[in-house]
Amino acid sequence: MHLSDITMFYAPESGGVRRYLDAKRQWLAHNTLCRHSLLAPGTRNTQDSPGVFTLAAPPLPFSNGYRFPIRRGPWIRKLVELAPDLIEAGDPYRLAGAALAAGRQLNVPVVGFYHSDLPRLLAKRLGERALPATQAYVRRLYRSFDQVLTPSRTMHDHLIEMGVERVAVQPLGVDAEGFHPRNRDPHLRRQLGLSAHTHLLIFAGRYAREKNLEQLVHAFKSLGPRYHLLLVGPDMPFASTGNISCFSHFFSAPELARLLASADALAHAGDNETFGLIVLEAMASGIPVVGVEAGAIPELVNPAVGALARSSAPGHLAEAIEALFTRDVAGMGREARRQIEAHWTWDRAFSQLFQTYCRLIDPTGLSHENSQRASA
């Protein structure tokens, strides 16, 4: 069995989609006999590593290294040359159309993974007037796939409401060994100049308008010196001042794991998340989460592992943060880790995904026995 992914969301400093694809490639290599190939934009036409191919595409301005293909033809031809048994498209743009066209030529199933809620993102940036046209585009595109996957029940319901069919929830997971409480660094507070009594919260990820980081910064300014916010990620526009420390660059997974495990809690102000991998990474690191009661975050954060703000308004965020620290924060962190181990590992997620692939490729089920081997 040969599986192929195609997406523009695979750049050197990209976030959740790249982590999902890298983890999937590793899981397939260790747990199946499948061959996997990945096709993404790059600076030139090349094979970066075994199974990873790039085609030249121009950079997308102000996008943390993403590139946007102009013509579909080269991508269709490359997919046809690779000749996979199934194609998964990981973005809703030009490459999704290339995946569908190649799938028709090869007569193989094509999956659309709805990682990004395009209508709501554009409505937030361009205004509500953009919503009907974007919804019509999404409905037309995703109705063409043999199977549509969403990482959360929230996104599943949004697509169903838009008239998209053949939609199923495919939760994501987390590297529960890489993100672990044992990565806690007792020296981080001293490096930040914090006392033992200061509550340290962290947000990690790329800067984007939909993350509502301005509101989060305002919330911490109102909370005062007993609370400190550590912001880490590419293109952060904030200065380190007062009770805000900002490190504006890409952090490797081990660096991020150390920072998460060393904080008291994650602070996440996004109200448009389709899933929220950073939430799982924080929980796996043994810390609770303050999030917003919107998007997919409430599917991950329950009262036993964190607190939800009524909205992303600074006052509501500050209220939720203060409420969290009236409770047993360490106990919530332990419960967060327990829930990760029980429900949110990559092995659990990819076992379900592989079953979906097998069903689409061979509805009779005969190929599954020949494609999967027992985990070591």
Protein backbone atom coordinates (compact mmCIF):
# COMPACT_ATOMS: atom_id res chain seq x y z
CA MET A 1 0.00 0.00 0.00
CA HIS A 2 1.31 3.44 -0.95
CA LEU A 3 -0.14 6.51 0.80
CA SER A 4 0.60 10.06 -0.30
CA ASP A 5 0.06 13.43 1.39
CA ILE A 6 0.09 16.77 -0.40
CA THR A 7 -0.10 20.15 1.34
CA MET A 8 1.28 23.69 1.33
CA PHE A 9 1.24 23.61 5.17
CA TYR A 10 4.68 22.00 5.40
CA ALA A 11 7.35 24.64 5.89
CA PRO A 12 10.50 24.72 8.06
CA GLU A 13 8.72 26.72 10.79
CA SER A 14 5.15 25.55 10.24
CA GLY A 15 3.03 24.24 13.05
CA GLY A 16 0.36 21.64 13.66
CA VAL A 17 -0.02 20.17 10.17
CA ARG A 18 3.71 19.51 9.90
CA ARG A 19 3.76 17.88 13.34
CA TYR A 20 0.82 15.68 12.28
CA LEU A 21 2.54 14.66 9.02
CA ASP A 22 5.92 13.97 10.62
CA ALA A 23 4.28 11.88 13.34
CA LYS A 24 2.20 10.00 10.76
CA ARG A 25 5.24 9.18 8.64
CA GLN A 26 7.03 7.83 11.70
CA TRP A 27 4.02 5.79 12.85
CA LEU A 28 3.45 4.24 9.42
CA ALA A 29 7.14 3.29 9.17
CA HIS A 30 7.12 1.57 12.57
CA ASN A 31 3.68 -0.04 12.50
CA THR A 32 2.83 -0.92 8.90
CA LEU A 33 4.32 -2.18 5.67
CA CYS A 34 3.00 0.90 3.86
CA ARG A 35 5.08 3.21 1.72
CA HIS A 36 4.45 6.90 2.34
CA SER A 37 5.28 9.91 0.22
CA LEU A 38 4.85 13.59 0.99
CA LEU A 39 4.65 16.34 -1.60
CA ALA A 40 5.00 20.00 -0.52
CA PRO A 41 6.19 23.35 -1.92
CA GLY A 42 9.86 24.29 -1.63
CA THR A 43 12.56 26.43 -3.16
CA ARG A 44 13.21 23.95 -5.97
CA ASN A 45 12.19 20.59 -7.40
CA THR A 46 13.96 17.99 -5.31
CA GLN A 47 13.68 15.03 -2.97
CA ASP A 48 14.58 16.39 0.45
CA SER A 49 14.68 13.02 2.20
CA PRO A 50 13.35 9.51 1.51
CA GLY A 51 9.71 9.90 0.51
CA VAL A 52 9.62 13.72 0.87
CA PHE A 53 9.39 15.62 -2.42
CA THR A 54 9.24 19.36 -3.05
CA LEU A 55 8.23 21.31 -6.12
CA ALA A 56 9.30 24.92 -6.56
CA ALA A 57 6.71 27.53 -5.58
CA PRO A 58 6.91 31.25 -4.77
CA PRO A 59 6.91 32.34 -1.11
CA LEU A 60 3.70 33.60 0.42
CA PRO A 61 4.43 36.98 2.07
CA PHE A 62 4.05 37.30 5.85
CA SER A 63 3.33 33.58 6.29
CA ASN A 64 6.24 32.08 8.28
CA GLY A 65 7.84 30.44 5.26
CA TYR A 66 4.79 29.02 3.47
CA ARG A 67 4.85 28.85 -0.33
CA PHE A 68 1.86 29.05 -2.64
CA PRO A 69 1.80 26.99 -5.87
CA ILE A 70 0.49 28.88 -8.91
CA ARG A 71 -0.08 26.11 -11.47
CA ARG A 72 -1.64 22.73 -10.68
CA GLY A 73 -0.14 20.86 -13.63
CA PRO A 74 3.31 20.01 -12.17
CA TRP A 75 1.71 18.77 -8.96
CA ILE A 76 -0.78 16.57 -10.79
CA ARG A 77 1.98 15.08 -12.90
CA LYS A 78 4.14 14.38 -9.83
CA LEU A 79 1.30 12.65 -8.00
CA VAL A 80 0.52 10.53 -11.06
CA GLU A 81 4.21 9.64 -11.28
CA LEU A 82 4.24 8.60 -7.60
CA ALA A 83 1.11 6.50 -8.24
CA PRO A 84 -0.18 6.16 -4.65
CA ASP A 85 -3.15 4.02 -3.67
CA LEU A 86 -4.65 6.94 -1.71
CA ILE A 87 -4.02 10.70 -1.64
CA GLU A 88 -4.67 12.99 1.32
CA ALA A 89 -4.93 16.74 0.71
CA GLY A 90 -4.02 18.82 3.75
CA ASP A 91 -5.09 22.32 2.68
CA PRO A 92 -8.07 23.87 0.84
CA TYR A 93 -6.13 25.72 -1.85
CA ARG A 94 -4.48 24.93 -5.18
CA LEU A 95 -3.03 21.60 -4.08
CA ALA A 96 -6.44 20.26 -3.07
CA GLY A 97 -7.53 20.60 -6.69
CA ALA A 98 -4.32 18.91 -7.83
CA ALA A 99 -4.99 15.99 -5.49
CA LEU A 100 -8.52 15.55 -6.83
CA ALA A 101 -7.35 15.71 -10.45
CA ALA A 102 -4.57 13.18 -9.86
CA GLY A 103 -6.98 10.91 -7.99
CA ARG A 104 -9.31 10.87 -10.98
CA GLN A 105 -6.45 9.99 -13.34
CA LEU A 106 -5.20 7.22 -11.04
CA ASN A 107 -8.69 6.08 -10.04
CA VAL A 108 -7.75 6.13 -6.35
CA PRO A 109 -9.58 7.59 -3.35
CA VAL A 110 -8.75 11.14 -2.27
CA VAL A 111 -9.17 12.32 1.33
CA GLY A 112 -9.53 15.96 2.32
CA PHE A 113 -8.32 16.72 5.86
CA TYR A 114 -9.98 19.91 7.09
CA HIS A 115 -7.13 21.28 9.21
CA SER A 116 -8.03 24.95 8.71
CA ASP A 117 -11.47 26.56 9.09
CA LEU A 118 -11.16 28.79 6.03
CA PRO A 119 -14.55 30.60 6.21
CA ARG A 120 -14.06 31.74 9.79
CA LEU A 121 -10.43 32.70 9.23
CA LEU A 122 -11.30 34.91 6.26
CA ALA A 123 -14.34 36.36 8.00
CA LYS A 124 -12.12 37.39 10.91
CA ARG A 125 -9.65 39.07 8.55
CA LEU A 126 -11.98 40.43 5.84
CA GLY A 127 -15.26 40.79 7.68
CA GLU A 128 -18.50 38.79 7.76
CA ARG A 129 -19.25 39.73 4.14
CA ALA A 130 -16.61 37.20 3.07
CA LEU A 131 -18.41 34.33 4.82
CA PRO A 132 -21.05 33.27 2.21
CA ALA A 133 -18.64 33.13 -0.72
CA THR A 134 -16.01 31.26 1.29
CA GLN A 135 -18.56 28.77 2.59
CA ALA A 136 -19.74 28.14 -0.98
CA TYR A 137 -16.13 27.48 -2.05
CA VAL A 138 -15.53 25.08 0.85
CA ARG A 139 -18.80 23.26 0.18
CA ARG A 140 -17.99 22.80 -3.51
CA LEU A 141 -14.39 21.68 -2.85
CA TYR A 142 -14.95 19.25 0.01
CA ARG A 143 -18.00 17.61 -1.58
CA SER A 144 -15.58 16.36 -4.24
CA PHE A 145 -13.51 14.23 -1.83
CA ASP A 146 -14.20 10.55 -1.24
CA GLN A 147 -13.81 11.18 2.49
CA VAL A 148 -13.48 14.36 4.53
CA LEU A 149 -11.75 14.21 7.91
CA THR A 150 -11.95 16.81 10.65
CA PRO A 151 -9.87 16.83 13.85
CA SER A 152 -12.80 17.80 16.07
CA ARG A 153 -16.54 17.41 16.46
CA THR A 154 -16.89 21.19 16.19
CA MET A 155 -15.38 21.25 12.69
CA HIS A 156 -17.39 18.18 11.69
CA ASP A 157 -20.61 19.98 12.58
CA HIS A 158 -19.54 23.16 10.74
CA LEU A 159 -18.96 21.21 7.53
CA ILE A 160 -22.24 19.33 7.85
CA GLU A 161 -24.04 22.68 8.31
CA MET A 162 -22.36 23.94 5.12
CA GLY A 163 -23.71 20.95 3.20
CA VAL A 164 -20.52 18.87 3.00
CA GLU A 165 -21.04 15.09 2.95
CA ARG A 166 -18.95 12.05 3.90
CA VAL A 167 -17.44 13.80 6.94
CA ALA A 168 -15.87 11.91 9.83
CA VAL A 169 -14.05 13.00 12.99
CA GLN A 170 -10.38 11.99 13.05
CA PRO A 171 -8.83 13.24 16.31
CA LEU A 172 -5.14 14.09 16.41
CA GLY A 173 -2.71 13.10 19.12
CA VAL A 174 0.53 14.01 20.83
CA ASP A 175 4.03 12.63 21.30
CA ALA A 176 3.50 11.60 24.92
CA GLU A 177 7.14 10.59 25.33
CA GLY A 178 8.63 13.77 23.89
CA PHE A 179 6.22 16.01 25.82
CA HIS A 180 6.48 14.81 29.41
CA PRO A 181 6.61 16.30 32.94
CA ARG A 182 10.18 15.02 33.33
CA ASN A 183 11.31 17.82 30.98
CA ARG A 184 10.67 20.40 33.70
CA ASP A 185 13.62 22.78 34.10
CA PRO A 186 13.85 24.32 37.59
CA HIS A 187 16.23 27.00 36.28
CA LEU A 188 13.74 28.61 33.86
CA ARG A 189 12.20 30.87 36.49
CA ARG A 190 15.61 32.19 37.51
CA GLN A 191 16.46 32.83 33.86
CA LEU A 192 13.26 34.90 33.56
CA GLY A 193 13.96 36.71 36.85
CA LEU A 194 10.83 35.35 38.55
CA SER A 195 10.23 34.58 42.18
CA ALA A 196 8.93 31.22 43.32
CA HIS A 197 5.55 32.82 44.06
CA THR A 198 4.95 34.17 40.53
CA HIS A 199 2.48 32.24 38.42
CA LEU A 200 4.19 31.46 35.09
CA LEU A 201 1.97 30.83 32.07
CA ILE A 202 3.12 30.14 28.52
CA PHE A 203 1.75 30.48 25.02
CA ALA A 204 3.67 28.78 22.21
CA GLY A 205 2.96 28.99 18.50
CA ARG A 206 3.23 31.21 15.47
CA TYR A 207 1.85 34.71 15.66
CA ALA A 208 -1.46 35.05 13.83
CA ARG A 209 -4.39 37.38 14.27
CA GLU A 210 -6.79 34.56 15.10
CA LYS A 211 -4.67 33.58 18.11
CA ASN A 212 -5.89 36.76 19.89
CA LEU A 213 -2.49 37.38 21.45
CA GLU A 214 -3.07 41.12 21.80
CA GLN A 215 -6.02 40.34 24.06
CA LEU A 216 -3.89 37.88 26.02
CA VAL A 217 -1.15 40.46 26.55
CA HIS A 218 -3.72 43.02 27.74
CA ALA A 219 -5.11 40.44 30.17
CA PHE A 220 -1.69 39.93 31.74
CA LYS A 221 -1.07 43.66 32.01
CA SER A 222 -4.25 43.88 34.03
CA LEU A 223 -3.29 40.89 36.20
CA GLY A 224 -0.09 42.52 37.42
CA PRO A 225 3.28 41.15 38.58
CA ARG A 226 1.98 38.03 40.35
CA TYR A 227 1.32 36.57 36.89
CA HIS A 228 3.92 36.29 34.13
CA LEU A 229 3.34 35.39 30.47
CA LEU A 230 6.02 33.69 28.38
CA LEU A 231 5.33 34.08 24.63
CA VAL A 232 7.39 31.88 22.33
CA GLY A 233 7.11 31.43 18.57
CA PRO A 234 7.95 32.93 15.18
CA ASP A 235 7.18 36.56 14.33
CA MET A 236 5.93 37.62 17.75
CA PRO A 237 5.47 41.42 17.60
CA PHE A 238 5.65 42.00 21.35
CA ALA A 239 8.48 43.37 23.47
CA SER A 240 9.65 41.77 26.70
CA THR A 241 8.45 44.23 29.28
CA GLY A 242 6.83 44.17 32.70
CA ASN A 243 5.24 40.76 33.24
CA ILE A 244 5.66 39.68 29.58
CA SER A 245 8.68 37.76 28.24
CA CYS A 246 8.72 37.28 24.48
CA PHE A 247 11.03 35.06 22.41
CA SER A 248 10.26 35.52 18.74
CA HIS A 249 11.76 32.55 16.97
CA PHE A 250 11.04 28.94 16.10
CA PHE A 251 11.59 26.42 18.91
CA SER A 252 12.46 22.79 18.26
CA ALA A 253 10.26 20.11 19.83
CA PRO A 254 12.73 19.36 22.67
CA GLU A 255 13.06 23.09 23.47
CA LEU A 256 9.29 23.52 23.43
CA ALA A 257 8.83 20.44 25.63
CA ARG A 258 11.21 21.92 28.23
CA LEU A 259 9.40 25.27 28.29
CA LEU A 260 5.93 23.74 28.56
CA ALA A 261 6.88 21.38 31.37
CA SER A 262 8.54 24.28 33.25
CA ALA A 263 5.48 26.55 33.24
CA ASP A 264 2.54 26.43 35.62
CA ALA A 265 -0.10 26.48 32.87
CA LEU A 266 -0.74 27.12 29.18
CA ALA A 267 -2.67 30.29 28.26
CA HIS A 268 -4.47 29.99 24.91
CA ALA A 269 -6.69 32.87 23.75
CA GLY A 270 -7.60 31.49 20.31
CA ASP A 271 -11.34 31.19 19.70
CA ASN A 272 -11.17 29.67 16.22
CA GLU A 273 -9.12 26.49 16.72
CA THR A 274 -9.97 23.44 14.65
CA PHE A 275 -8.19 21.26 17.22
CA GLY A 276 -5.30 22.71 19.24
CA LEU A 277 -2.21 20.49 19.24
CA ILE A 278 -0.40 22.84 21.61
CA VAL A 279 -3.13 22.14 24.18
CA LEU A 280 -2.38 18.41 24.04
CA GLU A 281 1.36 19.10 24.21
CA ALA A 282 0.84 21.19 27.35
CA MET A 283 -1.36 18.53 28.95
CA ALA A 284 1.17 15.83 28.09
CA SER A 285 3.78 18.02 29.80
CA GLY A 286 1.76 17.88 33.00
CA ILE A 287 0.33 21.41 33.11
CA PRO A 288 -3.29 22.61 33.01
CA VAL A 289 -4.74 24.88 30.31
CA VAL A 290 -6.59 28.18 30.28
CA GLY A 291 -8.52 28.42 27.01
CA VAL A 292 -11.57 30.07 25.49
CA GLU A 293 -15.01 28.49 25.40
CA ALA A 294 -15.12 28.52 21.58
CA GLY A 295 -13.89 26.47 18.64
CA ALA A 296 -12.56 23.00 19.41
CA ILE A 297 -10.76 23.84 22.67
CA PRO A 298 -13.70 22.81 24.93
CA GLU A 299 -13.43 19.30 23.45
CA LEU A 300 -9.96 19.02 25.01
CA VAL A 301 -10.18 21.17 28.17
CA ASN A 302 -12.60 20.09 30.88
CA PRO A 303 -12.80 21.39 34.47
CA ALA A 304 -10.49 18.64 35.70
CA VAL A 305 -7.59 19.88 33.54
CA GLY A 306 -8.09 23.63 33.23
CA ALA A 307 -10.41 26.60 32.93
CA LEU A 308 -12.31 28.18 30.02
CA ALA A 309 -12.85 31.90 29.59
CA ARG A 310 -16.26 33.07 28.39
CA SER A 311 -14.61 34.87 25.47
CA SER A 312 -11.22 36.12 24.32
CA ALA A 313 -11.86 39.56 25.83
CA PRO A 314 -9.00 40.54 28.17
CA GLY A 315 -11.29 40.73 31.18
CA HIS A 316 -12.68 37.25 30.62
CA LEU A 317 -9.18 35.81 30.08
CA ALA A 318 -7.89 37.43 33.28
CA GLU A 319 -10.90 36.12 35.19
CA ALA A 320 -10.28 32.54 34.01
CA ILE A 321 -6.56 32.74 34.81
CA GLU A 322 -7.22 33.96 38.34
CA ALA A 323 -9.86 31.25 38.82
CA LEU A 324 -7.40 28.55 37.77
CA PHE A 325 -4.97 29.47 40.53
CA THR A 326 -7.61 29.19 43.25
CA ARG A 327 -7.56 25.45 42.55
CA ASP A 328 -5.05 22.60 42.79
CA VAL A 329 -2.92 23.45 39.75
CA ALA A 330 -0.46 20.60 40.29
CA GLY A 331 -3.32 18.13 40.64
CA MET A 332 -4.90 19.36 37.41
CA GLY A 333 -1.54 18.91 35.69
CA ARG A 334 -1.37 15.29 36.83
CA GLU A 335 -4.91 14.68 35.63
CA ALA A 336 -4.07 16.29 32.29
CA ARG A 337 -1.19 13.86 31.84
CA ARG A 338 -3.44 10.93 32.76
CA GLN A 339 -6.05 11.95 30.18
CA ILE A 340 -3.36 12.21 27.49
CA GLU A 341 -2.12 8.70 28.20
CA ALA A 342 -5.68 7.35 28.16
CA HIS A 343 -7.10 9.13 25.12
CA TRP A 344 -4.73 11.29 23.08
CA THR A 345 -1.64 9.38 21.96
CA TRP A 346 -0.52 9.37 18.33
CA ASP A 347 -0.76 5.58 18.33
CA ARG A 348 -4.45 5.74 19.14
CA ALA A 349 -5.06 8.44 16.51
CA PHE A 350 -3.14 6.78 13.70
CA SER A 351 -4.58 3.34 14.35
CA GLN A 352 -8.01 4.84 13.67
CA LEU A 353 -6.73 6.75 10.62
CA PHE A 354 -5.10 3.65 9.15
CA GLN A 355 -8.39 1.77 9.43
CA THR A 356 -10.04 4.56 7.43
CA TYR A 357 -7.36 4.36 4.74
CA CYS A 358 -7.76 0.59 4.44
CA ARG A 359 -11.54 0.87 4.15
CA LEU A 360 -11.29 3.45 1.37
CA ILE A 361 -8.65 1.55 -0.60
CA ASP A 362 -10.22 -1.88 -0.20
CA PRO A 363 -13.81 -1.94 1.11
CA THR A 364 -13.62 -5.76 1.26
CA GLY A 365 -10.94 -5.54 3.98
CA LEU A 366 -8.56 -7.95 2.26
CA SER A 367 -5.66 -5.48 2.01
CA HIS A 368 -5.53 -4.65 5.72
CA GLU A 369 -4.15 -8.05 6.71
CA ASN A 370 -1.33 -7.69 4.21
CA SER A 371 -0.48 -4.06 4.99
CA GLN A 372 -0.20 -3.91 8.76
CA ARG A 373 2.22 -5.67 11.08
CA ALA A 374 2.10 -5.77 14.85
CA SER A 375 3.82 -2.95 16.72
CA ALA A 376 7.13 -3.86 18.30
